[in-house]
Amino acid sequence: MAVEQKLYTAADLWEMSHLPEYADKRLELVEGEIIEMNPAAGGHGLVVSKLDRLIGVFAEQNQLGETTGAETGFLLQKNPIGKDTVRAPDVGFIAAGRLSSEMLKGYIPLAPDLAVEVVSEYDTATEIIERVSDFLRAGTRMVWVFYPKPRTAVVHTPYGSRTIDSDGVLDGGDVLPGFSVPVSEVFSVLK
């Protein structure tokens, strides 16, 4: 006889994440299953912080929208049978006019326009593909994945993917119009 695994909801995850035993843990929810994420290494944090500053300052100066930090949960899928999905990108960008103050009281109930992920040593290729797929399926218009080892970035959209080498320039396309940054500058914090 098979034992049925408990499926969690976004409300369950919210409750759990506020319990003392989960205070120092990063949790996500994928189709009702709790995923615990390891704390990131220092280099990962430096790259994420640099990207957050670059995107955030540009978005603010051009009044394009808001950025979110790594602990911000986005409710990507709400499922009546409990297979909710909540993901927390390393950096998120939401275009102006899409957020209301009501949306800020829990997990943001929409997909970010841009999700940024920096691959850590613990991430597997399968996990990265699943994260990108979850965002795109939920309506994210662009996902940037940064790979510190080869110092490259991969841009994913609903229409395909392209790799930008360390000597290339990443642009914001129609999600962050006018934004561009050399990939080497993103990784300049890694000595």
N, C-alpha and C. Protein backbone atom coordinates (compact mmCIF):
# COMPACT_ATOMS: atom_id res chain seq x y z
N MET A 1 0.83 -1.17 0.00
CA MET A 1 0.00 0.00 0.00
C MET A 1 0.89 1.25 0.00
N ALA A 2 0.60 2.18 -0.89
CA ALA A 2 1.37 3.40 -1.02
C ALA A 2 0.96 4.40 0.06
N VAL A 3 1.95 5.10 0.58
CA VAL A 3 1.69 6.14 1.56
C VAL A 3 1.65 7.47 0.81
N GLU A 4 0.59 8.20 1.00
CA GLU A 4 0.43 9.47 0.31
C GLU A 4 1.26 10.54 1.01
N GLN A 5 2.01 11.29 0.22
CA GLN A 5 2.83 12.37 0.76
C GLN A 5 1.96 13.61 0.97
N LYS A 6 2.17 14.31 2.09
CA LYS A 6 1.41 15.52 2.37
C LYS A 6 1.81 16.63 1.40
N LEU A 7 0.82 17.29 0.84
CA LEU A 7 1.06 18.44 -0.01
C LEU A 7 0.83 19.70 0.83
N TYR A 8 1.72 20.66 0.69
CA TYR A 8 1.63 21.91 1.42
C TYR A 8 1.09 23.00 0.52
N THR A 9 0.46 24.00 1.13
CA THR A 9 -0.04 25.15 0.40
C THR A 9 0.88 26.35 0.66
N ALA A 10 0.65 27.42 -0.08
CA ALA A 10 1.41 28.65 0.16
C ALA A 10 1.16 29.15 1.59
N ALA A 11 -0.07 28.98 2.09
CA ALA A 11 -0.38 29.40 3.47
C ALA A 11 0.41 28.56 4.48
N ASP A 12 0.56 27.27 4.22
CA ASP A 12 1.37 26.41 5.10
C ASP A 12 2.83 26.88 5.12
N LEU A 13 3.35 27.18 3.93
CA LEU A 13 4.75 27.65 3.83
C LEU A 13 4.92 28.95 4.59
N TRP A 14 3.97 29.86 4.44
CA TRP A 14 4.04 31.15 5.15
C TRP A 14 4.10 30.92 6.66
N GLU A 15 3.23 30.05 7.15
CA GLU A 15 3.20 29.74 8.58
C GLU A 15 4.52 29.12 9.04
N MET A 16 4.99 28.12 8.29
CA MET A 16 6.24 27.44 8.64
C MET A 16 7.41 28.41 8.68
N SER A 17 7.49 29.30 7.70
CA SER A 17 8.64 30.19 7.59
C SER A 17 8.71 31.19 8.74
N HIS A 18 7.63 31.31 9.51
CA HIS A 18 7.63 32.22 10.65
C HIS A 18 7.80 31.49 11.99
N LEU A 19 8.04 30.19 11.94
CA LEU A 19 8.31 29.42 13.16
C LEU A 19 9.80 29.53 13.51
N PRO A 20 10.13 29.54 14.81
CA PRO A 20 11.54 29.69 15.22
C PRO A 20 12.48 28.66 14.59
N GLU A 21 12.03 27.42 14.44
CA GLU A 21 12.92 26.39 13.90
C GLU A 21 13.24 26.58 12.41
N TYR A 22 12.52 27.47 11.74
CA TYR A 22 12.78 27.74 10.32
C TYR A 22 13.34 29.15 10.10
N ALA A 23 13.64 29.86 11.18
CA ALA A 23 14.06 31.26 11.09
C ALA A 23 15.29 31.47 10.22
N ASP A 24 16.22 30.54 10.25
CA ASP A 24 17.46 30.72 9.49
C ASP A 24 17.51 29.87 8.22
N LYS A 25 16.36 29.40 7.77
CA LYS A 25 16.30 28.54 6.59
C LYS A 25 15.59 29.26 5.44
N ARG A 26 16.01 28.97 4.22
CA ARG A 26 15.32 29.47 3.02
C ARG A 26 14.47 28.33 2.48
N LEU A 27 13.19 28.57 2.39
CA LEU A 27 12.26 27.54 1.92
C LEU A 27 11.54 28.03 0.67
N GLU A 28 11.26 27.09 -0.23
CA GLU A 28 10.40 27.34 -1.37
C GLU A 28 9.38 26.21 -1.42
N LEU A 29 8.38 26.39 -2.24
CA LEU A 29 7.32 25.42 -2.39
C LEU A 29 7.16 25.12 -3.87
N VAL A 30 7.29 23.84 -4.24
CA VAL A 30 7.18 23.45 -5.64
C VAL A 30 6.11 22.39 -5.77
N GLU A 31 5.01 22.77 -6.37
CA GLU A 31 3.86 21.89 -6.55
C GLU A 31 3.49 21.16 -5.26
N GLY A 32 3.45 21.92 -4.16
CA GLY A 32 3.03 21.38 -2.88
C GLY A 32 4.12 20.75 -2.03
N GLU A 33 5.34 20.71 -2.55
CA GLU A 33 6.45 20.08 -1.84
C GLU A 33 7.41 21.15 -1.32
N ILE A 34 7.76 21.07 -0.03
CA ILE A 34 8.69 22.03 0.58
C ILE A 34 10.11 21.71 0.12
N ILE A 35 10.81 22.74 -0.32
CA ILE A 35 12.20 22.61 -0.74
C ILE A 35 13.03 23.51 0.17
N GLU A 36 14.00 22.92 0.86
CA GLU A 36 14.91 23.70 1.70
C GLU A 36 16.16 24.01 0.89
N MET A 37 16.55 25.27 0.91
CA MET A 37 17.71 25.70 0.14
C MET A 37 18.87 26.00 1.07
N ASN A 38 20.07 25.61 0.65
CA ASN A 38 21.26 25.87 1.44
C ASN A 38 21.60 27.35 1.45
N PRO A 39 22.20 27.84 2.54
CA PRO A 39 22.68 29.22 2.53
C PRO A 39 23.73 29.37 1.42
N ALA A 40 23.76 30.53 0.81
CA ALA A 40 24.68 30.77 -0.31
C ALA A 40 26.08 31.12 0.20
N ALA A 41 27.06 30.85 -0.65
CA ALA A 41 28.46 31.20 -0.35
C ALA A 41 28.66 32.71 -0.55
N GLY A 42 29.77 33.20 -0.06
CA GLY A 42 30.06 34.63 -0.12
C GLY A 42 30.09 35.20 -1.53
N GLY A 43 30.73 34.48 -2.45
CA GLY A 43 30.80 34.95 -3.84
C GLY A 43 29.42 35.09 -4.45
N HIS A 44 28.55 34.13 -4.17
CA HIS A 44 27.17 34.16 -4.66
C HIS A 44 26.49 35.44 -4.15
N GLY A 45 26.64 35.71 -2.87
CA GLY A 45 26.02 36.89 -2.28
C GLY A 45 26.52 38.18 -2.87
N LEU A 46 27.82 38.25 -3.18
CA LEU A 46 28.38 39.46 -3.78
C LEU A 46 27.79 39.71 -5.17
N VAL A 47 27.69 38.66 -5.98
CA VAL A 47 27.14 38.80 -7.33
C VAL A 47 25.66 39.19 -7.25
N VAL A 48 24.90 38.55 -6.37
CA VAL A 48 23.48 38.88 -6.22
C VAL A 48 23.32 40.34 -5.79
N SER A 49 24.11 40.77 -4.82
CA SER A 49 24.03 42.14 -4.33
C SER A 49 24.35 43.14 -5.45
N LYS A 50 25.36 42.84 -6.23
CA LYS A 50 25.73 43.74 -7.35
C LYS A 50 24.58 43.83 -8.35
N LEU A 51 24.00 42.69 -8.71
CA LEU A 51 22.89 42.69 -9.66
C LEU A 51 21.68 43.45 -9.11
N ASP A 52 21.38 43.26 -7.83
CA ASP A 52 20.27 43.96 -7.20
C ASP A 52 20.48 45.47 -7.28
N ARG A 53 21.70 45.93 -7.00
CA ARG A 53 21.99 47.36 -7.07
C ARG A 53 21.88 47.88 -8.50
N LEU A 54 22.49 47.16 -9.46
CA LEU A 54 22.47 47.62 -10.85
C LEU A 54 21.04 47.74 -11.38
N ILE A 55 20.25 46.69 -11.17
CA ILE A 55 18.87 46.67 -11.67
C ILE A 55 18.01 47.67 -10.90
N GLY A 56 18.15 47.67 -9.57
CA GLY A 56 17.33 48.54 -8.73
C GLY A 56 17.55 50.01 -9.01
N VAL A 57 18.80 50.43 -9.11
CA VAL A 57 19.10 51.85 -9.38
C VAL A 57 18.57 52.24 -10.75
N PHE A 58 18.79 51.38 -11.76
CA PHE A 58 18.31 51.68 -13.10
C PHE A 58 16.78 51.79 -13.13
N ALA A 59 16.11 50.83 -12.52
CA ALA A 59 14.64 50.82 -12.50
C ALA A 59 14.10 52.05 -11.78
N GLU A 60 14.72 52.43 -10.68
CA GLU A 60 14.26 53.59 -9.93
C GLU A 60 14.50 54.88 -10.70
N GLN A 61 15.69 55.03 -11.27
CA GLN A 61 16.00 56.26 -12.02
C GLN A 61 15.08 56.44 -13.23
N ASN A 62 14.66 55.34 -13.82
CA ASN A 62 13.83 55.40 -15.01
C ASN A 62 12.35 55.12 -14.73
N GLN A 63 12.00 55.03 -13.44
CA GLN A 63 10.63 54.79 -12.99
C GLN A 63 9.98 53.61 -13.72
N LEU A 64 10.74 52.50 -13.80
CA LEU A 64 10.27 51.32 -14.52
C LEU A 64 9.55 50.31 -13.63
N GLY A 65 9.80 50.36 -12.32
CA GLY A 65 9.19 49.39 -11.43
C GLY A 65 10.02 49.18 -10.19
N GLU A 66 9.82 48.02 -9.56
CA GLU A 66 10.45 47.71 -8.28
C GLU A 66 11.28 46.43 -8.37
N THR A 67 12.34 46.35 -7.55
CA THR A 67 13.13 45.12 -7.45
C THR A 67 12.90 44.50 -6.08
N THR A 68 13.09 43.19 -6.03
CA THR A 68 12.94 42.46 -4.77
C THR A 68 14.21 41.68 -4.48
N GLY A 69 14.46 41.44 -3.20
CA GLY A 69 15.62 40.68 -2.77
C GLY A 69 15.35 39.19 -2.74
N ALA A 70 16.38 38.45 -2.40
CA ALA A 70 16.38 36.99 -2.50
C ALA A 70 15.36 36.27 -1.62
N GLU A 71 14.92 36.87 -0.55
CA GLU A 71 13.96 36.17 0.31
C GLU A 71 12.51 36.44 -0.08
N THR A 72 12.29 37.20 -1.13
CA THR A 72 10.92 37.56 -1.51
C THR A 72 10.27 36.41 -2.27
N GLY A 73 9.16 35.92 -1.74
CA GLY A 73 8.45 34.82 -2.38
C GLY A 73 7.41 35.30 -3.37
N PHE A 74 7.36 34.64 -4.51
CA PHE A 74 6.36 34.90 -5.54
C PHE A 74 5.48 33.66 -5.65
N LEU A 75 4.17 33.85 -5.49
CA LEU A 75 3.22 32.75 -5.64
C LEU A 75 2.97 32.57 -7.13
N LEU A 76 3.67 31.61 -7.71
CA LEU A 76 3.63 31.39 -9.16
C LEU A 76 2.46 30.52 -9.58
N GLN A 77 2.03 29.64 -8.68
CA GLN A 77 0.94 28.72 -9.02
C GLN A 77 0.09 28.48 -7.78
N LYS A 78 -1.18 28.77 -7.90
CA LYS A 78 -2.13 28.48 -6.82
C LYS A 78 -3.02 27.37 -7.34
N ASN A 79 -3.02 26.25 -6.63
CA ASN A 79 -3.71 25.07 -7.11
C ASN A 79 -4.73 24.61 -6.09
N PRO A 80 -5.98 24.37 -6.49
CA PRO A 80 -7.01 23.98 -5.52
C PRO A 80 -6.74 22.65 -4.82
N ILE A 81 -5.89 21.80 -5.38
CA ILE A 81 -5.60 20.53 -4.70
C ILE A 81 -4.28 20.59 -3.92
N GLY A 82 -3.80 21.81 -3.67
CA GLY A 82 -2.64 21.97 -2.81
C GLY A 82 -1.28 21.90 -3.48
N LYS A 83 -1.24 21.98 -4.79
CA LYS A 83 0.06 21.93 -5.46
C LYS A 83 0.55 23.34 -5.80
N ASP A 84 0.56 24.20 -4.77
CA ASP A 84 1.01 25.58 -4.95
C ASP A 84 2.52 25.60 -5.22
N THR A 85 2.97 26.66 -5.89
CA THR A 85 4.39 26.88 -6.12
C THR A 85 4.74 28.30 -5.71
N VAL A 86 5.72 28.42 -4.80
CA VAL A 86 6.25 29.70 -4.36
C VAL A 86 7.75 29.65 -4.60
N ARG A 87 8.24 30.56 -5.42
CA ARG A 87 9.67 30.65 -5.71
C ARG A 87 10.20 32.00 -5.27
N ALA A 88 11.48 32.03 -4.90
CA ALA A 88 12.15 33.26 -4.47
C ALA A 88 13.41 33.45 -5.31
N PRO A 89 13.32 34.24 -6.38
CA PRO A 89 14.52 34.45 -7.20
C PRO A 89 15.56 35.26 -6.43
N ASP A 90 16.81 35.17 -6.85
CA ASP A 90 17.86 35.96 -6.19
C ASP A 90 17.57 37.45 -6.31
N VAL A 91 17.07 37.88 -7.46
CA VAL A 91 16.60 39.25 -7.67
C VAL A 91 15.33 39.14 -8.52
N GLY A 92 14.34 39.93 -8.18
CA GLY A 92 13.12 40.00 -8.99
C GLY A 92 12.88 41.43 -9.41
N PHE A 93 12.25 41.60 -10.56
CA PHE A 93 11.85 42.94 -11.01
C PHE A 93 10.39 42.86 -11.43
N ILE A 94 9.61 43.83 -10.94
CA ILE A 94 8.19 43.92 -11.27
C ILE A 94 7.94 45.28 -11.91
N ALA A 95 7.39 45.27 -13.12
CA ALA A 95 7.16 46.51 -13.86
C ALA A 95 6.17 47.41 -13.12
N ALA A 96 6.35 48.72 -13.31
CA ALA A 96 5.50 49.73 -12.69
C ALA A 96 4.03 49.45 -13.00
N GLY A 97 3.20 49.66 -11.99
CA GLY A 97 1.76 49.52 -12.17
C GLY A 97 1.21 48.13 -11.91
N ARG A 98 2.08 47.15 -11.68
CA ARG A 98 1.61 45.77 -11.46
C ARG A 98 1.40 45.43 -9.99
N LEU A 99 1.99 46.21 -9.09
CA LEU A 99 1.89 45.92 -7.65
C LEU A 99 0.89 46.83 -6.97
N SER A 100 0.18 46.28 -6.01
CA SER A 100 -0.67 47.09 -5.14
C SER A 100 -0.22 46.83 -3.71
N SER A 101 -0.59 47.72 -2.80
CA SER A 101 -0.18 47.54 -1.40
C SER A 101 -0.76 46.25 -0.82
N GLU A 102 -1.92 45.82 -1.28
CA GLU A 102 -2.52 44.56 -0.81
C GLU A 102 -1.64 43.36 -1.15
N MET A 103 -0.92 43.42 -2.26
CA MET A 103 -0.08 42.30 -2.70
C MET A 103 1.16 42.13 -1.84
N LEU A 104 1.46 43.11 -1.00
CA LEU A 104 2.71 43.08 -0.23
C LEU A 104 2.56 42.45 1.14
N LYS A 105 1.37 41.96 1.46
CA LYS A 105 1.11 41.42 2.80
C LYS A 105 1.49 39.96 2.95
N GLY A 106 1.81 39.29 1.89
CA GLY A 106 2.22 37.90 1.92
C GLY A 106 3.12 37.67 0.72
N TYR A 107 3.12 36.47 0.20
CA TYR A 107 3.88 36.23 -1.03
C TYR A 107 3.25 37.04 -2.15
N ILE A 108 4.06 37.57 -3.01
CA ILE A 108 3.54 38.38 -4.12
C ILE A 108 2.80 37.45 -5.07
N PRO A 109 1.50 37.70 -5.29
CA PRO A 109 0.67 36.76 -6.05
C PRO A 109 0.73 36.95 -7.57
N LEU A 110 1.93 37.09 -8.09
CA LEU A 110 2.13 37.20 -9.53
C LEU A 110 3.57 36.83 -9.85
N ALA A 111 3.86 36.61 -11.11
CA ALA A 111 5.22 36.30 -11.53
C ALA A 111 5.98 37.60 -11.75
N PRO A 112 7.26 37.65 -11.38
CA PRO A 112 8.03 38.85 -11.68
C PRO A 112 8.21 38.98 -13.19
N ASP A 113 8.39 40.20 -13.67
CA ASP A 113 8.67 40.40 -15.10
C ASP A 113 10.06 39.86 -15.43
N LEU A 114 10.99 40.03 -14.50
CA LEU A 114 12.35 39.52 -14.64
C LEU A 114 12.70 38.76 -13.37
N ALA A 115 13.20 37.55 -13.53
CA ALA A 115 13.73 36.76 -12.41
C ALA A 115 15.22 36.56 -12.69
N VAL A 116 16.04 36.79 -11.68
CA VAL A 116 17.48 36.64 -11.81
C VAL A 116 17.95 35.55 -10.85
N GLU A 117 18.69 34.61 -11.38
CA GLU A 117 19.26 33.53 -10.58
C GLU A 117 20.77 33.51 -10.75
N VAL A 118 21.48 33.36 -9.65
CA VAL A 118 22.94 33.17 -9.69
C VAL A 118 23.18 31.74 -9.23
N VAL A 119 23.79 30.95 -10.07
CA VAL A 119 24.00 29.53 -9.78
C VAL A 119 25.05 29.39 -8.68
N SER A 120 24.72 28.57 -7.69
CA SER A 120 25.67 28.29 -6.61
C SER A 120 26.24 26.90 -6.80
N GLU A 121 27.24 26.58 -6.02
CA GLU A 121 27.89 25.28 -6.15
C GLU A 121 26.96 24.12 -5.81
N TYR A 122 25.87 24.39 -5.09
CA TYR A 122 24.94 23.34 -4.71
C TYR A 122 23.86 23.08 -5.75
N ASP A 123 23.67 24.01 -6.68
CA ASP A 123 22.61 23.89 -7.68
C ASP A 123 22.96 22.83 -8.72
N THR A 124 21.97 22.04 -9.09
CA THR A 124 22.15 21.08 -10.18
C THR A 124 21.54 21.68 -11.44
N ALA A 125 21.94 21.15 -12.58
CA ALA A 125 21.38 21.60 -13.86
C ALA A 125 19.87 21.40 -13.88
N THR A 126 19.41 20.28 -13.36
CA THR A 126 17.98 19.99 -13.32
C THR A 126 17.24 21.03 -12.50
N GLU A 127 17.78 21.39 -11.33
CA GLU A 127 17.14 22.40 -10.48
C GLU A 127 17.03 23.75 -11.19
N ILE A 128 18.09 24.12 -11.88
CA ILE A 128 18.08 25.41 -12.60
C ILE A 128 17.03 25.38 -13.70
N ILE A 129 16.98 24.30 -14.46
CA ILE A 129 15.99 24.18 -15.54
C ILE A 129 14.58 24.25 -14.96
N GLU A 130 14.34 23.58 -13.84
CA GLU A 130 13.01 23.60 -13.22
C GLU A 130 12.64 25.00 -12.75
N ARG A 131 13.60 25.72 -12.16
CA ARG A 131 13.33 27.09 -11.69
C ARG A 131 12.96 27.98 -12.87
N VAL A 132 13.77 27.93 -13.92
CA VAL A 132 13.51 28.75 -15.11
C VAL A 132 12.14 28.40 -15.68
N SER A 133 11.84 27.12 -15.80
CA SER A 133 10.55 26.68 -16.35
C SER A 133 9.38 27.16 -15.50
N ASP A 134 9.52 27.09 -14.17
CA ASP A 134 8.45 27.55 -13.28
C ASP A 134 8.17 29.03 -13.51
N PHE A 135 9.22 29.83 -13.60
CA PHE A 135 9.02 31.27 -13.82
C PHE A 135 8.37 31.54 -15.18
N LEU A 136 8.91 30.95 -16.23
CA LEU A 136 8.36 31.21 -17.56
C LEU A 136 6.92 30.74 -17.69
N ARG A 137 6.62 29.57 -17.14
CA ARG A 137 5.24 29.05 -17.18
C ARG A 137 4.27 29.99 -16.46
N ALA A 138 4.74 30.64 -15.41
CA ALA A 138 3.89 31.52 -14.61
C ALA A 138 3.72 32.90 -15.24
N GLY A 139 4.49 33.20 -16.29
CA GLY A 139 4.34 34.48 -16.97
C GLY A 139 5.52 35.42 -16.88
N THR A 140 6.62 34.98 -16.25
CA THR A 140 7.82 35.81 -16.22
C THR A 140 8.29 36.02 -17.66
N ARG A 141 8.59 37.26 -17.99
CA ARG A 141 8.94 37.59 -19.38
C ARG A 141 10.40 37.30 -19.71
N MET A 142 11.27 37.32 -18.69
CA MET A 142 12.69 37.08 -18.92
C MET A 142 13.33 36.53 -17.65
N VAL A 143 14.19 35.54 -17.81
CA VAL A 143 14.95 34.99 -16.68
C VAL A 143 16.42 35.06 -17.04
N TRP A 144 17.21 35.67 -16.18
CA TRP A 144 18.66 35.70 -16.36
C TRP A 144 19.27 34.70 -15.39
N VAL A 145 20.13 33.81 -15.89
CA VAL A 145 20.84 32.87 -15.04
C VAL A 145 22.34 33.14 -15.21
N PHE A 146 22.99 33.45 -14.10
CA PHE A 146 24.42 33.76 -14.11
C PHE A 146 25.21 32.57 -13.59
N TYR A 147 26.23 32.19 -14.33
CA TYR A 147 27.10 31.06 -13.98
C TYR A 147 28.48 31.60 -13.62
N PRO A 148 28.81 31.66 -12.30
CA PRO A 148 30.08 32.24 -11.88
C PRO A 148 31.33 31.50 -12.37
N LYS A 149 31.28 30.17 -12.49
CA LYS A 149 32.49 29.43 -12.91
C LYS A 149 32.93 29.82 -14.33
N PRO A 150 32.08 29.70 -15.33
CA PRO A 150 32.54 30.15 -16.65
C PRO A 150 32.34 31.65 -16.86
N ARG A 151 31.72 32.32 -15.85
CA ARG A 151 31.42 33.76 -15.93
C ARG A 151 30.62 34.09 -17.19
N THR A 152 29.49 33.40 -17.30
CA THR A 152 28.58 33.64 -18.42
C THR A 152 27.17 33.89 -17.86
N ALA A 153 26.31 34.39 -18.73
CA ALA A 153 24.91 34.58 -18.39
C ALA A 153 24.07 33.95 -19.49
N VAL A 154 22.95 33.34 -19.10
CA VAL A 154 22.01 32.79 -20.07
C VAL A 154 20.70 33.55 -19.91
N VAL A 155 20.19 34.06 -21.02
CA VAL A 155 18.94 34.79 -21.03
C VAL A 155 17.86 33.85 -21.55
N HIS A 156 16.83 33.63 -20.74
CA HIS A 156 15.71 32.77 -21.11
C HIS A 156 14.46 33.64 -21.29
N THR A 157 13.74 33.42 -22.36
CA THR A 157 12.44 34.06 -22.58
C THR A 157 11.49 32.96 -23.05
N PRO A 158 10.21 33.27 -23.17
CA PRO A 158 9.29 32.25 -23.69
C PRO A 158 9.63 31.83 -25.13
N TYR A 159 10.47 32.60 -25.79
CA TYR A 159 10.80 32.34 -27.21
C TYR A 159 12.12 31.62 -27.41
N GLY A 160 12.88 31.40 -26.34
CA GLY A 160 14.15 30.70 -26.47
C GLY A 160 15.19 31.22 -25.49
N SER A 161 16.41 30.74 -25.65
CA SER A 161 17.50 31.09 -24.75
C SER A 161 18.74 31.46 -25.55
N ARG A 162 19.57 32.29 -24.94
CA ARG A 162 20.87 32.61 -25.55
C ARG A 162 21.90 32.84 -24.46
N THR A 163 23.12 32.45 -24.75
CA THR A 163 24.22 32.58 -23.80
C THR A 163 25.04 33.80 -24.14
N ILE A 164 25.44 34.54 -23.12
CA ILE A 164 26.30 35.70 -23.29
C ILE A 164 27.59 35.42 -22.54
N ASP A 165 28.69 35.41 -23.27
CA ASP A 165 30.00 35.14 -22.67
C ASP A 165 30.48 36.31 -21.83
N SER A 166 31.58 36.09 -21.12
CA SER A 166 32.09 37.10 -20.19
C SER A 166 32.50 38.40 -20.89
N ASP A 167 32.78 38.35 -22.17
CA ASP A 167 33.14 39.58 -22.88
C ASP A 167 31.93 40.23 -23.56
N GLY A 168 30.74 39.68 -23.34
CA GLY A 168 29.53 40.21 -23.95
C GLY A 168 28.80 41.19 -23.05
N VAL A 169 27.72 41.76 -23.58
CA VAL A 169 26.90 42.73 -22.87
C VAL A 169 25.48 42.19 -22.75
N LEU A 170 24.95 42.25 -21.55
CA LEU A 170 23.59 41.82 -21.26
C LEU A 170 22.69 43.04 -21.36
N ASP A 171 21.54 42.89 -22.04
CA ASP A 171 20.61 44.02 -22.10
C ASP A 171 19.25 43.60 -21.56
N GLY A 172 18.46 44.60 -21.19
CA GLY A 172 17.17 44.36 -20.57
C GLY A 172 16.02 44.14 -21.53
N GLY A 173 16.28 44.21 -22.83
CA GLY A 173 15.23 43.99 -23.82
C GLY A 173 14.03 44.88 -23.55
N ASP A 174 12.83 44.36 -23.79
CA ASP A 174 11.63 45.17 -23.55
C ASP A 174 11.15 45.07 -22.10
N VAL A 175 11.85 44.28 -21.28
CA VAL A 175 11.49 44.18 -19.86
C VAL A 175 12.11 45.34 -19.07
N LEU A 176 13.38 45.63 -19.35
CA LEU A 176 14.09 46.76 -18.75
C LEU A 176 14.69 47.59 -19.89
N PRO A 177 13.87 48.31 -20.64
CA PRO A 177 14.37 49.03 -21.81
C PRO A 177 15.48 50.02 -21.46
N GLY A 178 16.56 49.94 -22.21
CA GLY A 178 17.70 50.83 -22.00
C GLY A 178 18.76 50.30 -21.05
N PHE A 179 18.45 49.22 -20.32
CA PHE A 179 19.42 48.66 -19.38
C PHE A 179 20.43 47.81 -20.13
N SER A 180 21.71 47.99 -19.80
CA SER A 180 22.75 47.09 -20.31
C SER A 180 23.92 47.09 -19.33
N VAL A 181 24.60 45.95 -19.27
CA VAL A 181 25.75 45.81 -18.39
C VAL A 181 26.68 44.75 -18.98
N PRO A 182 27.97 45.03 -19.04
CA PRO A 182 28.91 43.98 -19.45
C PRO A 182 28.87 42.82 -18.45
N VAL A 183 28.84 41.61 -18.94
CA VAL A 183 28.81 40.44 -18.05
C VAL A 183 30.04 40.44 -17.15
N SER A 184 31.19 40.88 -17.68
CA SER A 184 32.41 40.93 -16.87
C SER A 184 32.25 41.86 -15.67
N GLU A 185 31.45 42.92 -15.81
CA GLU A 185 31.23 43.85 -14.69
C GLU A 185 30.43 43.16 -13.57
N VAL A 186 29.47 42.33 -13.93
CA VAL A 186 28.68 41.61 -12.94
C VAL A 186 29.60 40.75 -12.08
N PHE A 187 30.55 40.09 -12.74
CA PHE A 187 31.44 39.18 -12.02
C PHE A 187 32.70 39.85 -11.48
N SER A 188 32.82 41.16 -11.64
CA SER A 188 34.02 41.87 -11.17
C SER A 188 34.19 41.79 -9.66
N VAL A 189 33.11 41.50 -8.93
CA VAL A 189 33.21 41.37 -7.47
C VAL A 189 33.90 40.08 -7.05
N LEU A 190 34.04 39.14 -7.98
CA LEU A 190 34.74 37.88 -7.69
C LEU A 190 36.21 38.07 -8.04
N LYS A 191 37.02 38.16 -7.07
CA LYS A 191 38.45 38.44 -7.29
C LYS A 191 39.19 37.27 -7.87
